Amino acid sequence: DIEWNRKQALNKFIGDKRIFKKDCLSKKQCQALLEDGFRQVNEYCVFEKRRISILARPFGNHTISHEFLVWSAKKLLKNTAGIKNIQEHLTRDADLTFEFNGKKFALEIEKGELLRKHQQLKEKIDYLDEHYPNRWMFIVSNRNFLTKYEKFGFSTSRNRMYENLQKLLKMHIRKKRM
């Protein structure tokens, strides 16, 4: 059956990916993804430092902006010297964790929803403080909420993520002995 083979090929192509860069796809691939529930949007990429066109299908109750920011931040981490063991978490832990200089760090992507859920926000901050003391950062997708998140911990907007990631890492560079 041709339809079954097409669906199998599409599932293999998609795998566990939830984000595709549009300019890396053929017209047929774009059309197939759109028919399979992906949506095309333009988002600011923290790695490329510009807006790019993507096709996305978020996981669970995550928004496309959240999914994209996790994907984009992961690309930035993969291309930052000294960072290794990057992991994406879909559970209680931070959205992204990684190792730098022998220590574990965390990035939490926030859109602004958590500000209305005081208890959940407190639990998230307590968890991050306990597991990643002074080694975590909020990445706020909506810069209008940045100052509100800054009250709770080190925070950055998308367009300043690279610079603020460098600041966070710089605080944890081991001093060489003379």
Protein backbone atom coordinates (compact mmCIF):
# COMPACT_ATOMS: atom_id res chain seq x y z
CA ASP A 1 0.00 0.00 0.00
CA ILE A 2 1.52 3.30 -1.18
CA GLU A 3 -0.04 5.42 1.62
CA TRP A 4 1.35 3.04 4.28
CA ASN A 5 4.85 3.20 2.73
CA ARG A 6 4.67 7.01 2.58
CA LYS A 7 3.65 7.15 6.27
CA GLN A 8 6.46 4.74 7.25
CA ALA A 9 9.02 6.83 5.34
CA LEU A 10 7.73 10.03 6.94
CA ASN A 11 7.88 8.51 10.44
CA LYS A 12 11.46 7.40 9.80
CA PHE A 13 12.36 10.87 8.49
CA ILE A 14 10.79 12.62 11.49
CA GLY A 15 12.08 10.20 14.13
CA ASP A 16 12.02 12.03 17.47
CA LYS A 17 12.57 15.46 15.91
CA ARG A 18 10.09 18.19 16.74
CA ILE A 19 11.84 21.04 14.87
CA PHE A 20 13.03 21.30 11.27
CA LYS A 21 14.73 24.28 9.65
CA LYS A 22 12.67 25.10 6.58
CA ASP A 23 15.62 25.98 4.35
CA CYS A 24 17.04 22.47 4.95
CA LEU A 25 13.91 20.80 3.55
CA SER A 26 12.64 20.13 0.05
CA LYS A 27 9.17 21.33 -0.94
CA LYS A 28 7.90 17.73 -0.71
CA GLN A 29 9.33 17.31 2.79
CA CYS A 30 7.76 20.62 3.90
CA GLN A 31 4.39 19.60 2.53
CA ALA A 32 4.57 16.16 4.18
CA LEU A 33 5.45 17.68 7.56
CA LEU A 34 2.65 20.24 7.32
CA GLU A 35 0.19 17.46 6.47
CA ASP A 36 1.49 15.52 9.48
CA GLY A 37 0.64 18.31 11.95
CA PHE A 38 3.78 20.46 11.91
CA ARG A 39 3.31 24.25 11.78
CA GLN A 40 5.52 26.75 10.02
CA VAL A 41 6.64 29.76 12.09
CA ASN A 42 9.47 32.28 12.18
CA GLU A 43 11.43 32.41 15.44
CA TYR A 44 14.56 34.16 16.73
CA CYS A 45 17.41 31.65 16.89
CA VAL A 46 19.85 32.20 19.79
CA PHE A 47 22.54 30.30 17.88
CA GLU A 48 22.23 32.07 14.51
CA LYS A 49 21.25 35.39 16.15
CA ARG A 50 18.49 36.01 13.61
CA ARG A 51 14.94 34.96 12.79
CA ILE A 52 14.66 31.69 10.92
CA SER A 53 11.75 29.84 9.38
CA ILE A 54 11.01 26.46 10.97
CA LEU A 55 8.45 23.67 10.97
CA ALA A 56 7.59 22.55 14.47
CA ARG A 57 5.38 20.14 16.36
CA PRO A 58 5.62 20.66 20.13
CA PHE A 59 5.70 17.91 22.73
CA GLY A 60 2.85 17.67 25.22
CA ASN A 61 1.66 21.05 26.46
CA HIS A 62 4.77 22.95 25.32
CA THR A 63 4.33 25.85 22.90
CA ILE A 64 6.15 26.10 19.58
CA SER A 65 8.19 29.01 21.03
CA HIS A 66 9.27 26.83 23.95
CA GLU A 67 10.19 23.88 21.72
CA PHE A 68 12.11 26.11 19.37
CA LEU A 69 14.00 27.88 22.14
CA VAL A 70 15.08 24.54 23.63
CA TRP A 71 16.23 23.39 20.16
CA SER A 72 18.01 26.68 19.47
CA ALA A 73 19.69 26.81 22.90
CA LYS A 74 20.84 23.22 22.44
CA LYS A 75 22.53 24.21 19.15
CA LEU A 76 24.27 27.09 20.93
CA LEU A 77 25.45 24.80 23.74
CA LYS A 78 26.79 22.22 21.24
CA ASN A 79 28.89 24.99 19.67
CA THR A 80 30.24 26.46 22.92
CA ALA A 81 33.74 25.38 23.90
CA GLY A 82 34.00 23.28 27.05
CA ILE A 83 30.33 22.28 27.19
CA LYS A 84 29.54 18.58 27.04
CA ASN A 85 26.86 16.02 27.99
CA ILE A 86 23.94 18.21 26.90
CA GLN A 87 20.61 16.67 27.86
CA GLU A 88 17.06 17.73 27.17
CA HIS A 89 14.51 16.89 29.86
CA LEU A 90 10.77 16.63 29.39
CA THR A 91 10.12 16.04 33.10
CA ARG A 92 10.57 17.92 36.37
CA ASP A 93 14.24 18.75 35.78
CA ALA A 94 15.38 21.87 33.91
CA ASP A 95 14.67 21.95 30.17
CA LEU A 96 18.38 21.59 29.37
CA THR A 97 21.30 20.44 31.48
CA PHE A 98 24.97 20.24 30.54
CA GLU A 99 28.44 19.92 32.02
CA PHE A 100 31.10 22.58 32.04
CA ASN A 101 34.37 22.48 33.94
CA GLY A 102 33.28 19.34 35.81
CA LYS A 103 30.02 20.87 37.07
CA LYS A 104 26.42 20.43 35.98
CA PHE A 105 24.47 23.47 34.78
CA ALA A 106 20.83 24.01 33.88
CA LEU A 107 18.77 26.20 31.56
CA GLU A 108 15.07 26.71 32.13
CA ILE A 109 13.04 28.08 29.22
CA GLU A 110 10.13 30.26 30.35
CA LYS A 111 7.37 31.95 28.43
CA GLY A 112 5.72 33.68 31.39
CA GLU A 113 3.13 31.06 32.37
CA LEU A 114 4.97 30.10 35.57
CA LEU A 115 4.64 33.64 36.97
CA ARG A 116 0.93 32.99 37.61
CA LYS A 117 1.63 29.64 39.28
CA HIS A 118 3.39 30.84 42.44
CA GLN A 119 3.74 27.45 44.15
CA GLN A 120 5.01 25.75 40.98
CA LEU A 121 7.49 28.60 40.41
CA LYS A 122 8.77 28.32 43.99
CA GLU A 123 9.18 24.55 43.61
CA LYS A 124 11.06 24.97 40.32
CA ILE A 125 13.45 27.57 41.81
CA ASP A 126 14.01 25.46 44.94
CA TYR A 127 14.78 22.45 42.75
CA LEU A 128 17.22 24.42 40.56
CA ASP A 129 18.93 26.01 43.59
CA GLU A 130 19.33 22.59 45.23
CA HIS A 131 20.64 20.71 42.18
CA TYR A 132 22.49 23.52 40.37
CA PRO A 133 23.47 26.15 42.99
CA ASN A 134 24.45 29.36 41.13
CA ARG A 135 24.68 27.28 37.94
CA TRP A 136 21.28 27.80 36.32
CA MET A 137 19.57 30.45 34.26
CA PHE A 138 16.09 31.34 33.02
CA ILE A 139 15.83 32.00 29.28
CA VAL A 140 12.73 34.13 28.90
CA SER A 141 11.06 33.85 25.50
CA ASN A 142 8.92 36.96 26.06
CA ARG A 143 11.23 39.84 27.01
CA ASN A 144 8.29 41.68 28.63
CA PHE A 145 8.61 39.19 31.51
CA LEU A 146 12.40 39.41 31.87
CA THR A 147 12.45 41.81 34.85
CA LYS A 148 9.88 39.64 36.67
CA TYR A 149 12.03 36.51 36.24
CA GLU A 150 15.20 38.39 37.24
CA LYS A 151 13.72 38.68 40.75
CA PHE A 152 13.95 34.90 41.10
CA GLY A 153 17.32 34.12 39.54
CA PHE A 154 19.83 34.81 36.78
CA SER A 155 17.73 35.46 33.66
CA THR A 156 18.22 36.42 30.05
CA SER A 157 16.21 37.27 26.97
CA ARG A 158 16.76 35.30 23.76
CA ASN A 159 18.88 37.95 22.08
CA ARG A 160 21.31 38.16 25.05
CA MET A 161 21.56 34.44 25.73
CA TYR A 162 25.07 33.95 24.34
CA GLU A 163 26.53 36.83 26.38
CA ASN A 164 24.74 35.77 29.57
CA LEU A 165 25.69 32.12 29.11
CA GLN A 166 29.32 33.28 28.92
CA LYS A 167 28.85 35.24 32.18
CA LEU A 168 27.34 32.20 33.89
CA LEU A 169 30.18 29.94 32.75
CA LYS A 170 32.89 32.49 33.56
CA MET A 171 31.88 32.41 37.23
CA HIS A 172 32.78 28.71 37.31
CA ILE A 173 36.10 28.56 35.47
CA ARG A 174 38.75 26.94 37.64
CA LYS A 175 41.67 29.18 38.35
CA LYS A 176 44.99 27.68 37.23
CA ARG A 177 47.71 27.45 39.88
CA MET A 178 50.90 29.33 39.20
